[in-house]
């Protein structure tokens, strides 16, 4: 079982090694197509909001796993009543808090409406790289957890059977 996980981890690492330079190359192509001053820090929004977050969750009897989720999405553990009180079910009421939440804007719009395809490719490469990094971290913690379980079982076996005397 662990051999299969190690092979998956190695495959994911190789994919990430290929994705990162591809993203930087696509970004360089976009800078060439749009001009060096059109793709750079001056076009960043004054207030940036993350589009995705990496969440770590730990199973009670297993290793920690990492997931990439949308920044404004709630994970299943967070869904539910935030306080123990009764709720009205007549419909949503308009409050200041619900109107002030803004939907995160696609960062590609910072560089204009019609951006080159290479800029979209760069964004996709970096997004896929982030997902692969989370997968690699999950697989690596799973491998480490399995090895620690194996070592613990080997120690218990040595304690039970000290060997020929």
C-alpha atoms as a PDB file:
ATOM      1  CA  UNK A   1       0.000   0.000   0.000  1.00  0.00           C
ATOM      2  CA  UNK A   2       2.746   2.448   0.965  1.00  0.00           C
ATOM      3  CA  UNK A   3       4.629   1.729  -2.276  1.00  0.00           C
ATOM      4  CA  UNK A   4       1.617   2.930  -4.277  1.00  0.00           C
ATOM      5  CA  UNK A   5       1.405   6.110  -2.238  1.00  0.00           C
ATOM      6  CA  UNK A   6       5.118   6.768  -2.744  1.00  0.00           C
ATOM      7  CA  UNK A   7       4.720   6.321  -6.504  1.00  0.00           C
ATOM      8  CA  UNK A   8       1.780   8.740  -6.533  1.00  0.00           C
ATOM      9  CA  UNK A   9       3.816  11.260  -4.531  1.00  0.00           C
ATOM     10  CA  UNK A  10       6.766  10.950  -6.915  1.00  0.00           C
ATOM     11  CA  UNK A  11       4.443  11.392  -9.919  1.00  0.00           C
ATOM     12  CA  UNK A  12       2.870  14.472  -8.365  1.00  0.00           C
ATOM     13  CA  UNK A  13       6.304  15.952  -7.617  1.00  0.00           C
ATOM     14  CA  UNK A  14       7.367  15.398 -11.223  1.00  0.00           C
ATOM     15  CA  UNK A  15       4.184  17.061 -12.464  1.00  0.00           C
ATOM     16  CA  UNK A  16       4.816  20.055 -10.220  1.00  0.00           C
ATOM     17  CA  UNK A  17       8.373  20.345 -11.490  1.00  0.00           C
ATOM     18  CA  UNK A  18       6.919  20.641 -15.001  1.00  0.00           C
ATOM     19  CA  UNK A  19       4.054  23.000 -14.079  1.00  0.00           C
ATOM     20  CA  UNK A  20       6.027  25.715 -12.335  1.00  0.00           C
ATOM     21  CA  UNK A  21       8.361  26.585 -15.241  1.00  0.00           C
ATOM     22  CA  UNK A  22       5.413  26.351 -17.617  1.00  0.00           C
ATOM     23  CA  UNK A  23       3.562  28.988 -15.567  1.00  0.00           C
ATOM     24  CA  UNK A  24       6.563  31.317 -15.513  1.00  0.00           C
ATOM     25  CA  UNK A  25       7.096  30.837 -19.246  1.00  0.00           C
ATOM     26  CA  UNK A  26       3.439  31.655 -19.963  1.00  0.00           C
ATOM     27  CA  UNK A  27       3.749  34.743 -17.786  1.00  0.00           C
ATOM     28  CA  UNK A  28       6.827  35.837 -19.736  1.00  0.00           C
ATOM     29  CA  UNK A  29       4.944  35.313 -23.006  1.00  0.00           C
ATOM     30  CA  UNK A  30       2.100  37.495 -21.715  1.00  0.00           C
ATOM     31  CA  UNK A  31       4.547  40.229 -20.732  1.00  0.00           C
ATOM     32  CA  UNK A  32       6.065  40.059 -24.212  1.00  0.00           C
ATOM     33  CA  UNK A  33       2.636  40.198 -25.904  1.00  0.00           C
ATOM     34  CA  UNK A  34       1.205  43.017 -23.742  1.00  0.00           C
ATOM     35  CA  UNK A  35       4.391  44.894 -22.971  1.00  0.00           C
ATOM     36  CA  UNK A  36       6.566  44.705 -19.888  1.00  0.00           C
ATOM     37  CA  UNK A  37       4.750  47.591 -18.190  1.00  0.00           C
ATOM     38  CA  UNK A  38       1.311  46.077 -18.821  1.00  0.00           C
ATOM     39  CA  UNK A  39       1.918  42.960 -16.745  1.00  0.00           C
ATOM     40  CA  UNK A  40       3.524  43.800 -13.443  1.00  0.00           C
ATOM     41  CA  UNK A  41       2.978  44.924  -9.863  1.00  0.00           C
ATOM     42  CA  UNK A  42       1.595  48.299 -10.917  1.00  0.00           C
ATOM     43  CA  UNK A  43      -1.543  46.598 -12.224  1.00  0.00           C
ATOM     44  CA  UNK A  44      -2.267  44.737  -8.989  1.00  0.00           C
ATOM     45  CA  UNK A  45      -5.416  45.755  -7.139  1.00  0.00           C
ATOM     46  CA  UNK A  46      -4.940  48.013  -4.146  1.00  0.00           C
ATOM     47  CA  UNK A  47      -6.820  45.522  -1.974  1.00  0.00           C
ATOM     48  CA  UNK A  48      -6.228  41.887  -2.882  1.00  0.00           C
ATOM     49  CA  UNK A  49      -8.410  39.071  -1.615  1.00  0.00           C
ATOM     50  CA  UNK A  50      -7.332  35.428  -1.875  1.00  0.00           C
ATOM     51  CA  UNK A  51      -9.332  33.268  -4.243  1.00  0.00           C
ATOM     52  CA  UNK A  52      -8.320  29.979  -2.646  1.00  0.00           C
ATOM     53  CA  UNK A  53      -7.059  28.809   0.730  1.00  0.00           C
ATOM     54  CA  UNK A  54      -5.269  25.668   1.817  1.00  0.00           C
ATOM     55  CA  UNK A  55      -7.030  23.943   4.693  1.00  0.00           C
ATOM     56  CA  UNK A  56      -5.521  21.243   6.847  1.00  0.00           C
ATOM     57  CA  UNK A  57      -7.860  18.711   8.386  1.00  0.00           C
ATOM     58  CA  UNK A  58      -6.909  15.830  10.596  1.00  0.00           C
ATOM     59  CA  UNK A  59      -8.842  12.607  10.833  1.00  0.00           C
ATOM     60  CA  UNK A  60      -9.209  11.083  14.267  1.00  0.00           C
ATOM     61  CA  UNK A  61      -7.475   7.866  13.300  1.00  0.00           C
ATOM     62  CA  UNK A  62      -5.381   8.974  10.355  1.00  0.00           C
ATOM     63  CA  UNK A  63      -2.941  11.492   8.969  1.00  0.00           C
ATOM     64  CA  UNK A  64      -3.522  15.147   8.254  1.00  0.00           C
ATOM     65  CA  UNK A  65      -4.854  16.035   4.794  1.00  0.00           C
ATOM     66  CA  UNK A  66      -4.551  19.303   2.898  1.00  0.00           C
ATOM     67  CA  UNK A  67      -7.231  20.675   0.579  1.00  0.00           C
ATOM     68  CA  UNK A  68      -7.405  23.708  -1.662  1.00  0.00           C
ATOM     69  CA  UNK A  69     -10.805  25.371  -1.329  1.00  0.00           C
ATOM     70  CA  UNK A  70     -12.327  28.623  -2.506  1.00  0.00           C
ATOM     71  CA  UNK A  71     -11.676  31.422  -0.051  1.00  0.00           C
ATOM     72  CA  UNK A  72     -15.342  32.245   0.506  1.00  0.00           C
ATOM     73  CA  UNK A  73     -16.522  28.610   0.637  1.00  0.00           C
ATOM     74  CA  UNK A  74     -17.302  26.904   3.903  1.00  0.00           C
ATOM     75  CA  UNK A  75     -16.016  23.446   4.630  1.00  0.00           C
ATOM     76  CA  UNK A  76     -18.607  20.914   5.850  1.00  0.00           C
ATOM     77  CA  UNK A  77     -17.442  21.250   9.464  1.00  0.00           C
ATOM     78  CA  UNK A  78     -18.196  24.991   9.393  1.00  0.00           C
ATOM     79  CA  UNK A  79     -21.686  24.684   7.922  1.00  0.00           C
ATOM     80  CA  UNK A  80     -24.435  24.770  10.475  1.00  0.00           C
ATOM     81  CA  UNK A  81     -25.710  27.077  13.156  1.00  0.00           C
ATOM     82  CA  UNK A  82     -23.019  29.334  14.516  1.00  0.00           C
ATOM     83  CA  UNK A  83     -24.921  29.838  17.742  1.00  0.00           C
ATOM     84  CA  UNK A  84     -27.505  27.829  19.624  1.00  0.00           C
ATOM     85  CA  UNK A  85     -30.582  29.965  19.013  1.00  0.00           C
ATOM     86  CA  UNK A  86     -33.794  29.828  17.066  1.00  0.00           C
ATOM     87  CA  UNK A  87     -33.840  31.143  13.521  1.00  0.00           C
ATOM     88  CA  UNK A  88     -36.625  32.740  11.559  1.00  0.00           C
ATOM     89  CA  UNK A  89     -37.339  31.085   8.256  1.00  0.00           C
ATOM     90  CA  UNK A  90     -39.340  33.869   6.630  1.00  0.00           C
ATOM     91  CA  UNK A  91     -36.559  34.845   4.289  1.00  0.00           C
ATOM     92  CA  UNK A  92     -33.317  36.725   4.183  1.00  0.00           C
ATOM     93  CA  UNK A  93     -33.276  40.081   5.888  1.00  0.00           C
ATOM     94  CA  UNK A  94     -31.216  42.903   4.498  1.00  0.00           C
ATOM     95  CA  UNK A  95     -28.400  43.946   6.805  1.00  0.00           C
ATOM     96  CA  UNK A  96     -25.280  45.989   6.351  1.00  0.00           C
ATOM     97  CA  UNK A  97     -23.057  42.932   6.810  1.00  0.00           C
ATOM     98  CA  UNK A  98     -24.610  40.929   3.981  1.00  0.00           C
ATOM     99  CA  UNK A  99     -24.376  43.868   1.564  1.00  0.00           C
ATOM    100  CA  UNK A 100     -20.734  44.620   2.342  1.00  0.00           C
ATOM    101  CA  UNK A 101     -19.413  41.209   1.307  1.00  0.00           C
ATOM    102  CA  UNK A 102     -17.766  41.458  -2.072  1.00  0.00           C
ATOM    103  CA  UNK A 103     -17.167  38.629  -4.474  1.00  0.00           C
ATOM    104  CA  UNK A 104     -13.445  38.211  -5.142  1.00  0.00           C
ATOM    105  CA  UNK A 105     -12.579  39.564  -8.560  1.00  0.00           C
ATOM    106  CA  UNK A 106     -10.663  37.467 -11.056  1.00  0.00           C
ATOM    107  CA  UNK A 107      -7.076  38.776 -10.960  1.00  0.00           C
ATOM    108  CA  UNK A 108      -6.878  38.565 -14.746  1.00  0.00           C
ATOM    109  CA  UNK A 109      -9.230  41.559 -14.885  1.00  0.00           C
ATOM    110  CA  UNK A 110      -6.501  43.692 -13.321  1.00  0.00           C
ATOM    111  CA  UNK A 111      -4.646  43.501 -16.621  1.00  0.00           C
ATOM    112  CA  UNK A 112      -7.582  44.441 -18.844  1.00  0.00           C
ATOM    113  CA  UNK A 113     -10.639  42.848 -20.359  1.00  0.00           C
ATOM    114  CA  UNK A 114      -8.973  41.103 -23.291  1.00  0.00           C
ATOM    115  CA  UNK A 115      -5.914  39.432 -21.838  1.00  0.00           C
ATOM    116  CA  UNK A 116      -3.716  37.130 -23.906  1.00  0.00           C
ATOM    117  CA  UNK A 117      -4.247  33.398 -23.706  1.00  0.00           C
ATOM    118  CA  UNK A 118      -0.755  32.960 -22.274  1.00  0.00           C
ATOM    119  CA  UNK A 119      -1.807  34.942 -19.178  1.00  0.00           C
ATOM    120  CA  UNK A 120      -4.773  32.610 -18.686  1.00  0.00           C
ATOM    121  CA  UNK A 121      -2.430  29.645 -19.147  1.00  0.00           C
ATOM    122  CA  UNK A 122      -0.073  31.063 -16.508  1.00  0.00           C
ATOM    123  CA  UNK A 123      -2.953  31.445 -14.056  1.00  0.00           C
ATOM    124  CA  UNK A 124      -4.102  27.873 -14.721  1.00  0.00           C
ATOM    125  CA  UNK A 125      -0.546  26.534 -14.312  1.00  0.00           C
ATOM    126  CA  UNK A 126      -0.077  28.248 -10.956  1.00  0.00           C
ATOM    127  CA  UNK A 127      -3.543  27.157  -9.787  1.00  0.00           C
ATOM    128  CA  UNK A 128      -2.778  23.546 -10.767  1.00  0.00           C
ATOM    129  CA  UNK A 129       0.618  23.841  -9.073  1.00  0.00           C
ATOM    130  CA  UNK A 130      -1.048  24.917  -5.834  1.00  0.00           C
ATOM    131  CA  UNK A 131      -3.425  21.958  -6.011  1.00  0.00           C
ATOM    132  CA  UNK A 132      -0.496  19.623  -6.655  1.00  0.00           C
ATOM    133  CA  UNK A 133       1.410  21.097  -3.705  1.00  0.00           C
ATOM    134  CA  UNK A 134      -1.551  20.354  -1.428  1.00  0.00           C
ATOM    135  CA  UNK A 135      -1.797  16.820  -2.837  1.00  0.00           C
ATOM    136  CA  UNK A 136       1.931  16.255  -2.348  1.00  0.00           C
ATOM    137  CA  UNK A 137       1.747  17.512   1.229  1.00  0.00           C
ATOM    138  CA  UNK A 138      -1.190  15.179   1.931  1.00  0.00           C
ATOM    139  CA  UNK A 139       0.595  12.209   0.396  1.00  0.00           C
ATOM    140  CA  UNK A 140       3.819  12.990   2.268  1.00  0.00           C
ATOM    141  CA  UNK A 141       2.029  13.216   5.620  1.00  0.00           C
ATOM    142  CA  UNK A 142       0.243   9.960   4.786  1.00  0.00           C
ATOM    143  CA  UNK A 143       3.588   8.284   4.039  1.00  0.00           C
ATOM    144  CA  UNK A 144       5.137   9.644   7.249  1.00  0.00           C
ATOM    145  CA  UNK A 145       2.097   8.548   9.261  1.00  0.00           C
ATOM    146  CA  UNK A 146       2.283   5.050   7.750  1.00  0.00           C
ATOM    147  CA  UNK A 147       6.002   4.792   8.503  1.00  0.00           C
ATOM    148  CA  UNK A 148       5.480   5.881  12.097  1.00  0.00           C
ATOM    149  CA  UNK A 149       2.718   3.280  12.471  1.00  0.00           C
ATOM    150  CA  UNK A 150       5.065   0.646  11.030  1.00  0.00           C
ATOM    151  CA  UNK A 151       7.891   1.623  13.407  1.00  0.00           C
ATOM    152  CA  UNK A 152       5.524   1.500  16.355  1.00  0.00           C
ATOM    153  CA  UNK A 153       4.360  -1.972  15.404  1.00  0.00           C
ATOM    154  CA  UNK A 154       7.973  -3.125  14.937  1.00  0.00           C
ATOM    155  CA  UNK A 155       8.857  -1.826  18.415  1.00  0.00           C
ATOM    156  CA  UNK A 156       5.878  -3.673  19.919  1.00  0.00           C
ATOM    157  CA  UNK A 157       6.919  -6.840  18.094  1.00  0.00           C
ATOM    158  CA  UNK A 158      10.469  -6.559  19.501  1.00  0.00           C
ATOM    159  CA  UNK A 159       9.087  -6.101  23.021  1.00  0.00           C
ATOM    160  CA  UNK A 160       6.906  -9.185  22.690  1.00  0.00           C
ATOM    161  CA  UNK A 161       9.567 -11.361  21.051  1.00  0.00           C
ATOM    162  CA  UNK A 162      13.070 -10.360  22.223  1.00  0.00           C
ATOM    163  CA  UNK A 163      14.632 -13.086  20.058  1.00  0.00           C
ATOM    164  CA  UNK A 164      16.577 -16.276  20.835  1.00  0.00           C
ATOM    165  CA  UNK A 165      18.463 -16.152  24.114  1.00  0.00           C
END
